[in-house]
Structures are given as structure tokens and as C-alpha cells.
Amino acid sequence: MHLLVSPDIIGVSAGASLGGALSLLLGLGSGYLVGGAFAFGLAALGLLFLVTSGRGGSPMLMIVLGGVVTGSFFSALVSLVTYLADPFTTLPAIVYWLLGSVATATYAKCW
């Protein structure tokens, strides 16, 4: 039996969201934003492997359940960061980054 798992299920998306939100909260540049999201996504994956290593049962089931736990942990930390953010300056930037938008997308920016 094969299992297809998305980054949302294994917690990587929540970890990357935390890295980006922290970068915005600390007022770091866009390079740190991308780097923080990547680093915290890898950290979430590493935490998933720590949670699931050496456990009995089906390895696929353990990865999915461990991913749900890891994702919930990082999502709670994202909520904490948004709670601590300044509601007039930093919070709108964090929410805008987490939700994403293509409103300002142009072909020139794609190139």
C-alpha cells in the first residue's frame, strides 16, 4: 500500500508558516523570510522524524499521525506569533503573507 502525503498533513507547511511569521515579526528582510520558512519547514520535518522514530505500528500511519501532531504544534506557535504581533503594522503583513495573493502579479514580475 502506498500513501501520498502532502506538506499540510506532515506538518511542513505549518513549520514554514512559523518561520515566515517569525521573520516578519522580527522585521527581517525578504531573504530571511524565505530562509526562515525553509529552515522551519525542515525543522518540522525533523521533529516529525523524531516523533515517529522507534514507534511500533504501521510506519505510514505513524507518519500521518505524527504529522498531524507536528502540524498542530507549529500552528499553535503561528497563532502565538500573530497574537504577539503589533496589530497596526506587523499583523497585517503576517496575515497577508500567510494567506497569499496574486493581486500584484504581472508578467514582468514573473520574468
PDB file of N, CA and C in Angstrom:
ATOM      1  N   MET A   1       0.844  -1.171   0.000  1.00  0.00           N
ATOM      2  CA  MET A   1       0.000   0.000   0.000  1.00  0.00           C
ATOM      3  C   MET A   1       0.890   1.235   0.000  1.00  0.00           C
ATOM      4  N   HIS A   2       0.609   2.146  -0.900  1.00  0.00           N
ATOM      5  CA  HIS A   2       1.355   3.393  -0.986  1.00  0.00           C
ATOM      6  C   HIS A   2       0.484   4.522  -0.467  1.00  0.00           C
ATOM      7  N   LEU A   3       1.151   5.498   0.083  1.00  0.00           N
ATOM      8  CA  LEU A   3       0.428   6.616   0.658  1.00  0.00           C
ATOM      9  C   LEU A   3       1.021   7.910   0.131  1.00  0.00           C
ATOM     10  N   LEU A   4       0.169   8.764  -0.363  1.00  0.00           N
ATOM     11  CA  LEU A   4       0.601  10.064  -0.841  1.00  0.00           C
ATOM     12  C   LEU A   4       0.297  11.080   0.256  1.00  0.00           C
ATOM     13  N   VAL A   5       1.343  11.760   0.722  1.00  0.00           N
ATOM     14  CA  VAL A   5       1.187  12.668   1.843  1.00  0.00           C
ATOM     15  C   VAL A   5       1.572  14.071   1.400  1.00  0.00           C
ATOM     16  N   SER A   6       0.754  15.033   1.739  1.00  0.00           N
ATOM     17  CA  SER A   6       1.025  16.426   1.364  1.00  0.00           C
ATOM     18  C   SER A   6       1.792  17.120   2.492  1.00  0.00           C
ATOM     19  N   PRO A   7       2.415  18.260   2.190  1.00  0.00           N
ATOM     20  CA  PRO A   7       3.115  19.012   3.235  1.00  0.00           C
ATOM     21  C   PRO A   7       2.192  19.477   4.358  1.00  0.00           C
ATOM     22  N   ASP A   8       0.908  19.643   4.060  1.00  0.00           N
ATOM     23  CA  ASP A   8      -0.034  20.025   5.108  1.00  0.00           C
ATOM     24  C   ASP A   8      -0.222  18.892   6.114  1.00  0.00           C
ATOM     25  N   ILE A   9      -0.290  17.679   5.636  1.00  0.00           N
ATOM     26  CA  ILE A   9      -0.535  16.534   6.505  1.00  0.00           C
ATOM     27  C   ILE A   9       0.658  16.251   7.404  1.00  0.00           C
ATOM     28  N   ILE A  10       1.866  16.383   6.891  1.00  0.00           N
ATOM     29  CA  ILE A  10       3.033  16.035   7.708  1.00  0.00           C
ATOM     30  C   ILE A  10       3.586  17.217   8.498  1.00  0.00           C
ATOM     31  N   GLY A  11       2.962  18.378   8.437  1.00  0.00           N
ATOM     32  CA  GLY A  11       3.323  19.496   9.280  1.00  0.00           C
ATOM     33  C   GLY A  11       4.363  20.446   8.710  1.00  0.00           C
ATOM     34  N   VAL A  12       4.862  20.187   7.521  1.00  0.00           N
ATOM     35  CA  VAL A  12       5.905  21.036   6.938  1.00  0.00           C
ATOM     36  C   VAL A  12       5.352  22.431   6.617  1.00  0.00           C
ATOM     37  N   SER A  13       4.145  22.520   6.147  1.00  0.00           N
ATOM     38  CA  SER A  13       3.544  23.818   5.825  1.00  0.00           C
ATOM     39  C   SER A  13       3.390  24.685   7.068  1.00  0.00           C
ATOM     40  N   ALA A  14       2.986  24.079   8.165  1.00  0.00           N
ATOM     41  CA  ALA A  14       2.843  24.841   9.406  1.00  0.00           C
ATOM     42  C   ALA A  14       4.205  25.299   9.920  1.00  0.00           C
ATOM     43  N   GLY A  15       5.221  24.453   9.782  1.00  0.00           N
ATOM     44  CA  GLY A  15       6.565  24.854  10.184  1.00  0.00           C
ATOM     45  C   GLY A  15       7.090  25.999   9.345  1.00  0.00           C
ATOM     46  N   ALA A  16       6.870  25.933   8.035  1.00  0.00           N
ATOM     47  CA  ALA A  16       7.291  27.013   7.154  1.00  0.00           C
ATOM     48  C   ALA A  16       6.517  28.294   7.455  1.00  0.00           C
ATOM     49  N   SER A  17       5.263  28.176   7.796  1.00  0.00           N
ATOM     50  CA  SER A  17       4.464  29.350   8.166  1.00  0.00           C
ATOM     51  C   SER A  17       5.031  30.016   9.411  1.00  0.00           C
ATOM     52  N   LEU A  18       5.477  29.210  10.362  1.00  0.00           N
ATOM     53  CA  LEU A  18       6.069  29.773  11.571  1.00  0.00           C
ATOM     54  C   LEU A  18       7.359  30.513  11.248  1.00  0.00           C
ATOM     55  N   GLY A  19       8.188  29.947  10.401  1.00  0.00           N
ATOM     56  CA  GLY A  19       9.432  30.612  10.029  1.00  0.00           C
ATOM     57  C   GLY A  19       9.189  31.947   9.358  1.00  0.00           C
ATOM     58  N   GLY A  20       8.224  32.003   8.456  1.00  0.00           N
ATOM     59  CA  GLY A  20       7.893  33.256   7.790  1.00  0.00           C
ATOM     60  C   GLY A  20       7.288  34.268   8.737  1.00  0.00           C
ATOM     61  N   ALA A  21       6.393  33.805   9.600  1.00  0.00           N
ATOM     62  CA  ALA A  21       5.753  34.720  10.542  1.00  0.00           C
ATOM     63  C   ALA A  21       6.758  35.288  11.536  1.00  0.00           C
ATOM     64  N   LEU A  22       7.692  34.464  11.982  1.00  0.00           N
ATOM     65  CA  LEU A  22       8.733  34.948  12.885  1.00  0.00           C
ATOM     66  C   LEU A  22       9.625  35.981  12.208  1.00  0.00           C
ATOM     67  N   SER A  23       9.963  35.741  10.958  1.00  0.00           N
ATOM     68  CA  SER A  23      10.782  36.693  10.216  1.00  0.00           C
ATOM     69  C   SER A  23      10.084  38.040  10.084  1.00  0.00           C
ATOM     70  N   LEU A  24       8.794  38.006   9.817  1.00  0.00           N
ATOM     71  CA  LEU A  24       8.036  39.250   9.722  1.00  0.00           C
ATOM     72  C   LEU A  24       7.888  39.921  11.081  1.00  0.00           C
ATOM     73  N   LEU A  25       7.702  39.123  12.131  1.00  0.00           N
ATOM     74  CA  LEU A  25       7.571  39.686  13.472  1.00  0.00           C
ATOM     75  C   LEU A  25       8.859  40.388  13.903  1.00  0.00           C
ATOM     76  N   LEU A  26       9.997  39.810  13.540  1.00  0.00           N
ATOM     77  CA  LEU A  26      11.285  40.385  13.918  1.00  0.00           C
ATOM     78  C   LEU A  26      11.734  41.489  12.972  1.00  0.00           C
ATOM     79  N   GLY A  27      10.996  41.719  11.904  1.00  0.00           N
ATOM     80  CA  GLY A  27      11.313  42.785  10.962  1.00  0.00           C
ATOM     81  C   GLY A  27      12.510  42.482  10.084  1.00  0.00           C
ATOM     82  N   LEU A  28      12.750  41.223   9.786  1.00  0.00           N
ATOM     83  CA  LEU A  28      13.877  40.836   8.940  1.00  0.00           C
ATOM     84  C   LEU A  28      13.517  41.009   7.467  1.00  0.00           C
ATOM     85  N   GLY A  29      14.495  40.980   6.597  1.00  0.00           N
ATOM     86  CA  GLY A  29      14.279  41.184   5.169  1.00  0.00           C
ATOM     87  C   GLY A  29      13.669  39.978   4.487  1.00  0.00           C
ATOM     88  N   SER A  30      13.435  40.133   3.186  1.00  0.00           N
ATOM     89  CA  SER A  30      12.778  39.077   2.416  1.00  0.00           C
ATOM     90  C   SER A  30      13.648  37.833   2.281  1.00  0.00           C
ATOM     91  N   GLY A  31      14.966  37.994   2.269  1.00  0.00           N
ATOM     92  CA  GLY A  31      15.851  36.828   2.225  1.00  0.00           C
ATOM     93  C   GLY A  31      15.707  35.980   3.475  1.00  0.00           C
ATOM     94  N   TYR A  32      15.595  36.649   4.622  1.00  0.00           N
ATOM     95  CA  TYR A  32      15.381  35.925   5.876  1.00  0.00           C
ATOM     96  C   TYR A  32      13.995  35.311   5.927  1.00  0.00           C
ATOM     97  N   LEU A  33      13.046  35.955   5.282  1.00  0.00           N
ATOM     98  CA  LEU A  33      11.683  35.423   5.231  1.00  0.00           C
ATOM     99  C   LEU A  33      11.670  34.066   4.534  1.00  0.00           C
ATOM    100  N   VAL A  34      12.296  34.009   3.369  1.00  0.00           N
ATOM    101  CA  VAL A  34      12.348  32.755   2.617  1.00  0.00           C
ATOM    102  C   VAL A  34      13.211  31.734   3.348  1.00  0.00           C
ATOM    103  N   GLY A  35      14.371  32.182   3.839  1.00  0.00           N
ATOM    104  CA  GLY A  35      15.260  31.272   4.561  1.00  0.00           C
ATOM    105  C   GLY A  35      14.642  30.740   5.837  1.00  0.00           C
ATOM    106  N   GLY A  36      13.934  31.604   6.563  1.00  0.00           N
ATOM    107  CA  GLY A  36      13.271  31.167   7.787  1.00  0.00           C
ATOM    108  C   GLY A  36      12.167  30.166   7.511  1.00  0.00           C
ATOM    109  N   ALA A  37      11.401  30.419   6.465  1.00  0.00           N
ATOM    110  CA  ALA A  37      10.337  29.481   6.102  1.00  0.00           C
ATOM    111  C   ALA A  37      10.931  28.126   5.723  1.00  0.00           C
ATOM    112  N   PHE A  38      12.021  28.142   4.964  1.00  0.00           N
ATOM    113  CA  PHE A  38      12.660  26.886   4.562  1.00  0.00           C
ATOM    114  C   PHE A  38      13.236  26.161   5.771  1.00  0.00           C
ATOM    115  N   ALA A  39      13.931  26.902   6.636  1.00  0.00           N
ATOM    116  CA  ALA A  39      14.561  26.288   7.809  1.00  0.00           C
ATOM    117  C   ALA A  39      13.529  25.697   8.762  1.00  0.00           C
ATOM    118  N   PHE A  40      12.451  26.425   9.001  1.00  0.00           N
ATOM    119  CA  PHE A  40      11.439  25.912   9.914  1.00  0.00           C
ATOM    120  C   PHE A  40      10.623  24.783   9.282  1.00  0.00           C
ATOM    121  N   GLY A  41      10.501  24.770   7.970  1.00  0.00           N
ATOM    122  CA  GLY A  41       9.888  23.620   7.299  1.00  0.00           C
ATOM    123  C   GLY A  41      10.723  22.369   7.488  1.00  0.00           C
ATOM    124  N   LEU A  42      12.047  22.526   7.369  1.00  0.00           N
ATOM    125  CA  LEU A  42      12.944  21.398   7.637  1.00  0.00           C
ATOM    126  C   LEU A  42      12.916  20.990   9.104  1.00  0.00           C
ATOM    127  N   ALA A  43      12.807  21.975   9.992  1.00  0.00           N
ATOM    128  CA  ALA A  43      12.717  21.665  11.420  1.00  0.00           C
ATOM    129  C   ALA A  43      11.451  20.866  11.728  1.00  0.00           C
ATOM    130  N   ALA A  44      10.353  21.210  11.078  1.00  0.00           N
ATOM    131  CA  ALA A  44       9.111  20.460  11.271  1.00  0.00           C
ATOM    132  C   ALA A  44       9.265  19.024  10.775  1.00  0.00           C
ATOM    133  N   LEU A  45       9.960  18.869   9.663  1.00  0.00           N
ATOM    134  CA  LEU A  45      10.205  17.524   9.147  1.00  0.00           C
ATOM    135  C   LEU A  45      11.107  16.736  10.095  1.00  0.00           C
ATOM    136  N   GLY A  46      12.127  17.398  10.638  1.00  0.00           N
ATOM    137  CA  GLY A  46      12.997  16.739  11.610  1.00  0.00           C
ATOM    138  C   GLY A  46      12.255  16.341  12.866  1.00  0.00           C
ATOM    139  N   LEU A  47      11.358  17.231  13.346  1.00  0.00           N
ATOM    140  CA  LEU A  47      10.553  16.899  14.519  1.00  0.00           C
ATOM    141  C   LEU A  47       9.628  15.724  14.224  1.00  0.00           C
ATOM    142  N   LEU A  48       9.103  15.674  13.019  1.00  0.00           N
ATOM    143  CA  LEU A  48       8.263  14.544  12.625  1.00  0.00           C
ATOM    144  C   LEU A  48       9.043  13.239  12.700  1.00  0.00           C
ATOM    145  N   PHE A  49      10.268  13.249  12.199  1.00  0.00           N
ATOM    146  CA  PHE A  49      11.074  12.034  12.262  1.00  0.00           C
ATOM    147  C   PHE A  49      11.409  11.654  13.696  1.00  0.00           C
ATOM    148  N   LEU A  50      11.636  12.633  14.578  1.00  0.00           N
ATOM    149  CA  LEU A  50      11.889  12.332  15.989  1.00  0.00           C
ATOM    150  C   LEU A  50      10.657  11.734  16.663  1.00  0.00           C
ATOM    151  N   VAL A  51       9.493  12.272  16.323  1.00  0.00           N
ATOM    152  CA  VAL A  51       8.258  11.789  16.929  1.00  0.00           C
ATOM    153  C   VAL A  51       7.944  10.367  16.472  1.00  0.00           C
ATOM    154  N   THR A  52       8.215  10.067  15.217  1.00  0.00           N
ATOM    155  CA  THR A  52       7.808   8.768  14.667  1.00  0.00           C
ATOM    156  C   THR A  52       8.887   7.696  14.739  1.00  0.00           C
ATOM    157  N   SER A  53      10.119   8.049  15.074  1.00  0.00           N
ATOM    158  CA  SER A  53      11.180   7.036  15.066  1.00  0.00           C
ATOM    159  C   SER A  53      11.024   6.084  16.259  1.00  0.00           C
ATOM    160  N   GLY A  54      11.219   4.825  15.985  1.00  0.00           N
ATOM    161  CA  GLY A  54      11.191   3.801  17.025  1.00  0.00           C
ATOM    162  C   GLY A  54       9.823   3.463  17.564  1.00  0.00           C
ATOM    163  N   ARG A  55       8.790   3.891  16.922  1.00  0.00           N
ATOM    164  CA  ARG A  55       7.436   3.585  17.381  1.00  0.00           C
ATOM    165  C   ARG A  55       6.934   2.341  16.656  1.00  0.00           C
ATOM    166  N   GLY A  56       6.152   1.572  17.350  1.00  0.00           N
ATOM    167  CA  GLY A  56       5.565   0.387  16.742  1.00  0.00           C
ATOM    168  C   GLY A  56       4.393   0.760  15.860  1.00  0.00           C
ATOM    169  N   GLY A  57       3.850  -0.216  15.221  1.00  0.00           N
ATOM    170  CA  GLY A  57       2.696   0.039  14.372  1.00  0.00           C
ATOM    171  C   GLY A  57       3.098   0.284  12.933  1.00  0.00           C
ATOM    172  N   SER A  58       2.128   0.634  12.141  1.00  0.00           N
ATOM    173  CA  SER A  58       2.347   0.889  10.734  1.00  0.00           C
ATOM    174  C   SER A  58       3.148   2.170  10.558  1.00  0.00           C
ATOM    175  N   PRO A  59       4.270   2.113   9.813  1.00  0.00           N
ATOM    176  CA  PRO A  59       5.073   3.329   9.642  1.00  0.00           C
ATOM    177  C   PRO A  59       4.324   4.449   8.920  1.00  0.00           C
ATOM    178  N   MET A  60       3.480   4.092   7.965  1.00  0.00           N
ATOM    179  CA  MET A  60       2.728   5.125   7.251  1.00  0.00           C
ATOM    180  C   MET A  60       1.727   5.806   8.174  1.00  0.00           C
ATOM    181  N   LEU A  61       1.067   5.032   8.998  1.00  0.00           N
ATOM    182  CA  LEU A  61       0.105   5.592   9.932  1.00  0.00           C
ATOM    183  C   LEU A  61       0.811   6.483  10.951  1.00  0.00           C
ATOM    184  N   MET A  62       1.975   6.063  11.409  1.00  0.00           N
ATOM    185  CA  MET A  62       2.729   6.866  12.370  1.00  0.00           C
ATOM    186  C   MET A  62       3.179   8.185  11.757  1.00  0.00           C
ATOM    187  N   ILE A  63       3.551   8.177  10.491  1.00  0.00           N
ATOM    188  CA  ILE A  63       3.954   9.420   9.826  1.00  0.00           C
ATOM    189  C   ILE A  63       2.769  10.375   9.727  1.00  0.00           C
ATOM    190  N   VAL A  64       1.622   9.872   9.363  1.00  0.00           N
ATOM    191  CA  VAL A  64       0.445  10.735   9.240  1.00  0.00           C
ATOM    192  C   VAL A  64       0.027  11.265  10.608  1.00  0.00           C
ATOM    193  N   LEU A  65      -0.033  10.405  11.610  1.00  0.00           N
ATOM    194  CA  LEU A  65      -0.436  10.862  12.943  1.00  0.00           C
ATOM    195  C   LEU A  65       0.604  11.788  13.552  1.00  0.00           C
ATOM    196  N   GLY A  66       1.871  11.463  13.374  1.00  0.00           N
ATOM    197  CA  GLY A  66       2.932  12.350  13.849  1.00  0.00           C
ATOM    198  C   GLY A  66       2.918  13.681  13.135  1.00  0.00           C
ATOM    199  N   GLY A  67       2.578  13.675  11.851  1.00  0.00           N
ATOM    200  CA  GLY A  67       2.467  14.912  11.093  1.00  0.00           C
ATOM    201  C   GLY A  67       1.327  15.782  11.570  1.00  0.00           C
ATOM    202  N   VAL A  68       0.238  15.164  11.954  1.00  0.00           N
ATOM    203  CA  VAL A  68      -0.889  15.928  12.488  1.00  0.00           C
ATOM    204  C   VAL A  68      -0.483  16.593  13.805  1.00  0.00           C
ATOM    205  N   VAL A  69       0.244  15.862  14.644  1.00  0.00           N
ATOM    206  CA  VAL A  69       0.714  16.420  15.911  1.00  0.00           C
ATOM    207  C   VAL A  69       1.715  17.545  15.655  1.00  0.00           C
ATOM    208  N   THR A  70       2.669  17.309  14.765  1.00  0.00           N
ATOM    209  CA  THR A  70       3.677  18.317  14.440  1.00  0.00           C
ATOM    210  C   THR A  70       3.033  19.560  13.838  1.00  0.00           C
ATOM    211  N   GLY A  71       2.119  19.369  12.917  1.00  0.00           N
ATOM    212  CA  GLY A  71       1.422  20.495  12.309  1.00  0.00           C
ATOM    213  C   GLY A  71       0.613  21.288  13.317  1.00  0.00           C
ATOM    214  N   SER A  72      -0.031  20.595  14.241  1.00  0.00           N
ATOM    215  CA  SER A  72      -0.803  21.285  15.276  1.00  0.00           C
ATOM    216  C   SER A  72       0.103  22.102  16.190  1.00  0.00           C
ATOM    217  N   PHE A  73       1.269  21.543  16.528  1.00  0.00           N
ATOM    218  CA  PHE A  73       2.232  22.254  17.372  1.00  0.00           C
ATOM    219  C   PHE A  73       2.705  23.539  16.698  1.00  0.00           C
ATOM    220  N   PHE A  74       3.111  23.438  15.438  1.00  0.00           N
ATOM    221  CA  PHE A  74       3.597  24.621  14.732  1.00  0.00           C
ATOM    222  C   PHE A  74       2.464  25.603  14.439  1.00  0.00           C
ATOM    223  N   SER A  75       1.263  25.122  14.209  1.00  0.00           N
ATOM    224  CA  SER A  75       0.122  26.026  14.007  1.00  0.00           C
ATOM    225  C   SER A  75      -0.184  26.809  15.279  1.00  0.00           C
ATOM    226  N   ALA A  76      -0.042  26.161  16.427  1.00  0.00           N
ATOM    227  CA  ALA A  76      -0.234  26.864  17.695  1.00  0.00           C
ATOM    228  C   ALA A  76       0.823  27.946  17.876  1.00  0.00           C
ATOM    229  N   LEU A  77       2.061  27.669  17.459  1.00  0.00           N
ATOM    230  CA  LEU A  77       3.115  28.676  17.552  1.00  0.00           C
ATOM    231  C   LEU A  77       2.872  29.832  16.585  1.00  0.00           C
ATOM    232  N   VAL A  78       2.322  29.541  15.408  1.00  0.00           N
ATOM    233  CA  VAL A  78       1.947  30.617  14.474  1.00  0.00           C
ATOM    234  C   VAL A  78       0.868  31.487  15.099  1.00  0.00           C
ATOM    235  N   SER A  79      -0.091  30.884  15.776  1.00  0.00           N
ATOM    236  CA  SER A  79      -1.135  31.654  16.456  1.00  0.00           C
ATOM    237  C   SER A  79      -0.539  32.530  17.550  1.00  0.00           C
ATOM    238  N   LEU A  80       0.461  32.014  18.263  1.00  0.00           N
ATOM    239  CA  LEU A  80       1.130  32.802  19.287  1.00  0.00           C
ATOM    240  C   LEU A  80       1.859  33.995  18.679  1.00  0.00           C
ATOM    241  N   VAL A  81       2.528  33.781  17.560  1.00  0.00           N
ATOM    242  CA  VAL A  81       3.237  34.872  16.890  1.00  0.00           C
ATOM    243  C   VAL A  81       2.256  35.935  16.419  1.00  0.00           C
ATOM    244  N   THR A  82       1.135  35.530  15.869  1.00  0.00           N
ATOM    245  CA  THR A  82       0.145  36.509  15.412  1.00  0.00           C
ATOM    246  C   THR A  82      -0.480  37.253  16.599  1.00  0.00           C
ATOM    247  N   TYR A  83      -0.580  36.584  17.732  1.00  0.00           N
ATOM    248  CA  TYR A  83      -1.100  37.244  18.932  1.00  0.00           C
ATOM    249  C   TYR A  83      -0.117  38.299  19.440  1.00  0.00           C
ATOM    250  N   LEU A  84       1.179  38.007  19.338  1.00  0.00           N
ATOM    251  CA  LEU A  84       2.206  38.921  19.830  1.00  0.00           C
ATOM    252  C   LEU A  84       2.508  40.069  18.870  1.00  0.00           C
ATOM    253  N   ALA A  85       2.084  39.952  17.629  1.00  0.00           N
ATOM    254  CA  ALA A  85       2.393  40.963  16.618  1.00  0.00           C
ATOM    255  C   ALA A  85       1.612  42.249  16.861  1.00  0.00           C
ATOM    256  N   ASP A  86       2.228  43.364  16.473  1.00  0.00           N
ATOM    257  CA  ASP A  86       1.570  44.661  16.561  1.00  0.00           C
ATOM    258  C   ASP A  86       0.394  44.686  15.582  1.00  0.00           C
ATOM    259  N   PRO A  87      -0.815  44.953  16.070  1.00  0.00           N
ATOM    260  CA  PRO A  87      -1.985  44.851  15.182  1.00  0.00           C
ATOM    261  C   PRO A  87      -2.048  45.902  14.080  1.00  0.00           C
ATOM    262  N   PHE A  88      -1.263  46.950  14.168  1.00  0.00           N
ATOM    263  CA  PHE A  88      -1.338  48.011  13.176  1.00  0.00           C
ATOM    264  C   PHE A  88      -0.247  47.916  12.107  1.00  0.00           C
ATOM    265  N   THR A  89       0.869  47.293  12.437  1.00  0.00           N
ATOM    266  CA  THR A  89       1.964  47.240  11.463  1.00  0.00           C
ATOM    267  C   THR A  89       2.319  45.818  11.059  1.00  0.00           C
ATOM    268  N   THR A  90       2.665  44.997  12.019  1.00  0.00           N
ATOM    269  CA  THR A  90       3.200  43.667  11.725  1.00  0.00           C
ATOM    270  C   THR A  90       2.110  42.640  11.418  1.00  0.00           C
ATOM    271  N   LEU A  91       1.024  42.697  12.150  1.00  0.00           N
ATOM    272  CA  LEU A  91      -0.039  41.703  11.969  1.00  0.00           C
ATOM    273  C   LEU A  91      -0.608  41.675  10.551  1.00  0.00           C
ATOM    274  N   PRO A  92      -0.902  42.824   9.934  1.00  0.00           N
ATOM    275  CA  PRO A  92      -1.398  42.755   8.547  1.00  0.00           C
ATOM    276  C   PRO A  92      -0.394  42.114   7.590  1.00  0.00           C
ATOM    277  N   ALA A  93       0.894  42.370   7.791  1.00  0.00           N
ATOM    278  CA  ALA A  93       1.907  41.761   6.925  1.00  0.00           C
ATOM    279  C   ALA A  93       1.952  40.251   7.112  1.00  0.00           C
ATOM    280  N   ILE A  94       1.830  39.794   8.365  1.00  0.00           N
ATOM    281  CA  ILE A  94       1.846  38.344   8.632  1.00  0.00           C
ATOM    282  C   ILE A  94       0.627  37.677   8.013  1.00  0.00           C
ATOM    283  N   VAL A  95      -0.537  38.261   8.217  1.00  0.00           N
ATOM    284  CA  VAL A  95      -1.772  37.673   7.669  1.00  0.00           C
ATOM    285  C   VAL A  95      -1.737  37.674   6.150  1.00  0.00           C
ATOM    286  N   TYR A  96      -1.273  38.758   5.551  1.00  0.00           N
ATOM    287  CA  TYR A  96      -1.183  38.842   4.098  1.00  0.00           C
ATOM    288  C   TYR A  96      -0.220  37.788   3.562  1.00  0.00           C
ATOM    289  N   TRP A  97       0.902  37.573   4.257  1.00  0.00           N
ATOM    290  CA  TRP A  97       1.875  36.574   3.802  1.00  0.00           C
ATOM    291  C   TRP A  97       1.321  35.159   3.970  1.00  0.00           C
ATOM    292  N   LEU A  98       0.636  34.904   5.069  1.00  0.00           N
ATOM    293  CA  LEU A  98       0.088  33.560   5.298  1.00  0.00           C
ATOM    294  C   LEU A  98      -1.024  33.221   4.306  1.00  0.00           C
ATOM    295  N   LEU A  99      -1.851  34.207   3.966  1.00  0.00           N
ATOM    296  CA  LEU A  99      -2.951  33.946   3.039  1.00  0.00           C
ATOM    297  C   LEU A  99      -2.516  33.976   1.587  1.00  0.00           C
ATOM    298  N   GLY A 100      -1.536  34.825   1.294  1.00  0.00           N
ATOM    299  CA  GLY A 100      -1.047  34.912  -0.075  1.00  0.00           C
ATOM    300  C   GLY A 100      -1.980  35.711  -0.964  1.00  0.00           C
ATOM    301  N   SER A 101      -1.432  36.183  -2.065  1.00  0.00           N
ATOM    302  CA  SER A 101      -2.226  36.946  -3.012  1.00  0.00           C
ATOM    303  C   SER A 101      -1.484  37.008  -4.338  1.00  0.00           C
ATOM    304  N   VAL A 102      -2.240  37.087  -5.397  1.00  0.00           N
ATOM    305  CA  VAL A 102      -1.671  37.309  -6.723  1.00  0.00           C
ATOM    306  C   VAL A 102      -2.181  38.624  -7.294  1.00  0.00           C
ATOM    307  N   ALA A 103      -2.652  39.510  -6.409  1.00  0.00           N
ATOM    308  CA  ALA A 103      -3.249  40.772  -6.842  1.00  0.00           C
ATOM    309  C   ALA A 103      -2.245  41.665  -7.554  1.00  0.00           C
ATOM    310  N   THR A 104      -1.003  41.624  -7.145  1.00  0.00           N
ATOM    311  CA  THR A 104       0.008  42.490  -7.755  1.00  0.00           C
ATOM    312  C   THR A 104       0.869  41.745  -8.769  1.00  0.00           C
ATOM    313  N   ALA A 105       0.472  40.557  -9.145  1.00  0.00           N
ATOM    314  CA  ALA A 105       1.269  39.758 -10.085  1.00  0.00           C
ATOM    315  C   ALA A 105       1.161  40.332 -11.496  1.00  0.00           C
ATOM    316  N   THR A 106       2.308  40.405 -12.172  1.00  0.00           N
ATOM    317  CA  THR A 106       2.353  40.835 -13.548  1.00  0.00           C
ATOM    318  C   THR A 106       3.322  39.917 -14.306  1.00  0.00           C
ATOM    319  N   TYR A 107       3.254  39.957 -15.616  1.00  0.00           N
ATOM    320  CA  TYR A 107       4.184  39.141 -16.403  1.00  0.00           C
ATOM    321  C   TYR A 107       5.619  39.609 -16.206  1.00  0.00           C
ATOM    322  N   ALA A 108       5.824  40.905 -15.992  1.00  0.00           N
ATOM    323  CA  ALA A 108       7.175  41.426 -15.777  1.00  0.00           C
ATOM    324  C   ALA A 108       7.779  40.859 -14.504  1.00  0.00           C
ATOM    325  N   LYS A 109       6.970  40.699 -13.461  1.00  0.00           N
ATOM    326  CA  LYS A 109       7.477  40.119 -12.210  1.00  0.00           C
ATOM    327  C   LYS A 109       7.796  38.633 -12.378  1.00  0.00           C
ATOM    328  N   CYS A 110       7.083  37.968 -13.242  1.00  0.00           N
ATOM    329  CA  CYS A 110       7.366  36.541 -13.493  1.00  0.00           C
ATOM    330  C   CYS A 110       8.732  36.362 -14.141  1.00  0.00           C
ATOM    331  N   TRP A 111       9.078  37.249 -15.039  1.00  0.00           N
ATOM    332  CA  TRP A 111      10.373  37.139 -15.713  1.00  0.00           C
ATOM    333  C   TRP A 111      11.472  37.523 -14.767  1.00  0.00           C
TER     334      TRP A 111
END
